[in-house]
C-alpha atoms as a PDB file:
ATOM      1  CA  MET A   1      -6.047  25.631   9.511  1.00  0.00           C
ATOM      2  CA  ASP A   2      -4.194  22.899  11.385  1.00  0.00           C
ATOM      3  CA  ALA A   3      -1.762  20.346   9.982  1.00  0.00           C
ATOM      4  CA  THR A   4      -4.344  17.575   9.583  1.00  0.00           C
ATOM      5  CA  THR A   5      -6.471  19.592   7.168  1.00  0.00           C
ATOM      6  CA  GLN A   6      -3.496  19.951   4.831  1.00  0.00           C
ATOM      7  CA  ILE A   7      -2.924  16.193   4.556  1.00  0.00           C
ATOM      8  CA  THR A   8      -4.640  14.472   1.670  1.00  0.00           C
ATOM      9  CA  PRO A   9      -3.789  10.796   1.884  1.00  0.00           C
ATOM     10  CA  THR A  10      -4.331   8.714  -1.204  1.00  0.00           C
ATOM     11  CA  PHE A  11      -5.452   5.166  -0.653  1.00  0.00           C
ATOM     12  CA  LEU A  12      -5.206   2.479  -3.321  1.00  0.00           C
ATOM     13  CA  THR A  13      -7.243  -0.663  -3.683  1.00  0.00           C
ATOM     14  CA  GLN A  14      -5.499  -3.995  -4.087  1.00  0.00           C
ATOM     15  CA  ARG A  15      -6.211  -3.906  -7.820  1.00  0.00           C
ATOM     16  CA  GLU A  16      -4.825  -0.386  -8.210  1.00  0.00           C
ATOM     17  CA  LEU A  17      -1.640  -1.272  -6.339  1.00  0.00           C
ATOM     18  CA  ALA A  18      -1.195  -4.465  -8.340  1.00  0.00           C
ATOM     19  CA  GLU A  19      -1.461  -2.432 -11.546  1.00  0.00           C
ATOM     20  CA  LEU A  20       0.982   0.153 -10.222  1.00  0.00           C
ATOM     21  CA  LEU A  21       3.545  -2.502  -9.259  1.00  0.00           C
ATOM     22  CA  ARG A  22       2.727  -4.591 -12.356  1.00  0.00           C
ATOM     23  CA  MET A  23       2.163  -7.782 -10.435  1.00  0.00           C
ATOM     24  CA  PRO A  24      -0.723 -10.158  -9.776  1.00  0.00           C
ATOM     25  CA  GLU A  25      -3.205  -9.265  -7.056  1.00  0.00           C
ATOM     26  CA  ARG A  26      -2.595 -12.715  -5.606  1.00  0.00           C
ATOM     27  CA  THR A  27       0.989 -11.692  -4.780  1.00  0.00           C
ATOM     28  CA  LEU A  28      -0.326  -8.841  -2.638  1.00  0.00           C
ATOM     29  CA  GLU A  29      -2.675 -11.269  -0.882  1.00  0.00           C
ATOM     30  CA  ASP A  30       0.229 -13.634  -0.195  1.00  0.00           C
ATOM     31  CA  TRP A  31       2.331 -10.767   1.134  1.00  0.00           C
ATOM     32  CA  ARG A  32      -0.446  -9.769   3.530  1.00  0.00           C
ATOM     33  CA  LEU A  33      -0.679 -13.322   4.830  1.00  0.00           C
ATOM     34  CA  THR A  34       3.077 -13.575   5.345  1.00  0.00           C
ATOM     35  CA  GLN A  35       3.421  -9.943   6.491  1.00  0.00           C
ATOM     36  CA  THR A  36       6.195  -9.280   3.981  1.00  0.00           C
ATOM     37  CA  GLY A  37       4.593  -6.691   1.709  1.00  0.00           C
ATOM     38  CA  PRO A  38       3.808  -3.019   2.042  1.00  0.00           C
ATOM     39  CA  PRO A  39       1.752  -1.859   5.034  1.00  0.00           C
ATOM     40  CA  TYR A  40      -1.991  -1.956   4.522  1.00  0.00           C
ATOM     41  CA  ILE A  41      -5.102  -0.720   6.263  1.00  0.00           C
ATOM     42  CA  LYS A  42      -8.208  -2.802   6.941  1.00  0.00           C
ATOM     43  CA  LEU A  43     -11.468  -0.877   6.934  1.00  0.00           C
ATOM     44  CA  GLY A  44     -13.980  -3.551   7.766  1.00  0.00           C
ATOM     45  CA  ARG A  45     -13.534  -6.054   4.945  1.00  0.00           C
ATOM     46  CA  LEU A  46     -11.812  -3.531   2.673  1.00  0.00           C
ATOM     47  CA  VAL A  47      -8.041  -3.466   2.245  1.00  0.00           C
ATOM     48  CA  ARG A  48      -6.408  -0.180   1.317  1.00  0.00           C
ATOM     49  CA  TYR A  49      -2.818   0.895   0.792  1.00  0.00           C
ATOM     50  CA  ASP A  50      -1.586   4.393   1.614  1.00  0.00           C
ATOM     51  CA  VAL A  51       0.557   5.554  -1.316  1.00  0.00           C
ATOM     52  CA  ARG A  52       3.104   7.144   1.045  1.00  0.00           C
ATOM     53  CA  ASP A  53       3.547   3.832   2.905  1.00  0.00           C
ATOM     54  CA  VAL A  54       3.914   1.936  -0.360  1.00  0.00           C
ATOM     55  CA  LEU A  55       6.554   4.324  -1.710  1.00  0.00           C
ATOM     56  CA  THR A  56       8.493   4.125   1.567  1.00  0.00           C
ATOM     57  CA  TRP A  57       8.312   0.328   1.482  1.00  0.00           C
ATOM     58  CA  VAL A  58       9.486   0.219  -2.150  1.00  0.00           C
ATOM     59  CA  HIS A  59      12.472   2.477  -1.411  1.00  0.00           C
ATOM     60  CA  GLU A  60      13.425   0.336   1.600  1.00  0.00           C
ATOM     61  CA  HIS A  61      13.588  -2.710  -0.685  1.00  0.00           C
ATOM     62  CA  ARG A  62      15.864  -1.202  -3.325  1.00  0.00           C
ATOM     63  CA  HIS A  63      19.042  -3.064  -4.201  1.00  0.00           C
ATOM     64  CA  GLY A  64      22.155  -1.624  -5.711  1.00  0.00           C
END
């Protein structure tokens, strides 16, 4: 078994991420347009967020 078979990425929809961060979906849309939010993946017309990328992004934006 190689390293890639051990990886189980978890991808969130915009709605799921908005619920997780407790913010409006529109904020995530604005962040994508201004390229200021967490990294996202486009699969055709679908937008997905890798949980690992989101957690890294959140920790990079901590204050205090």
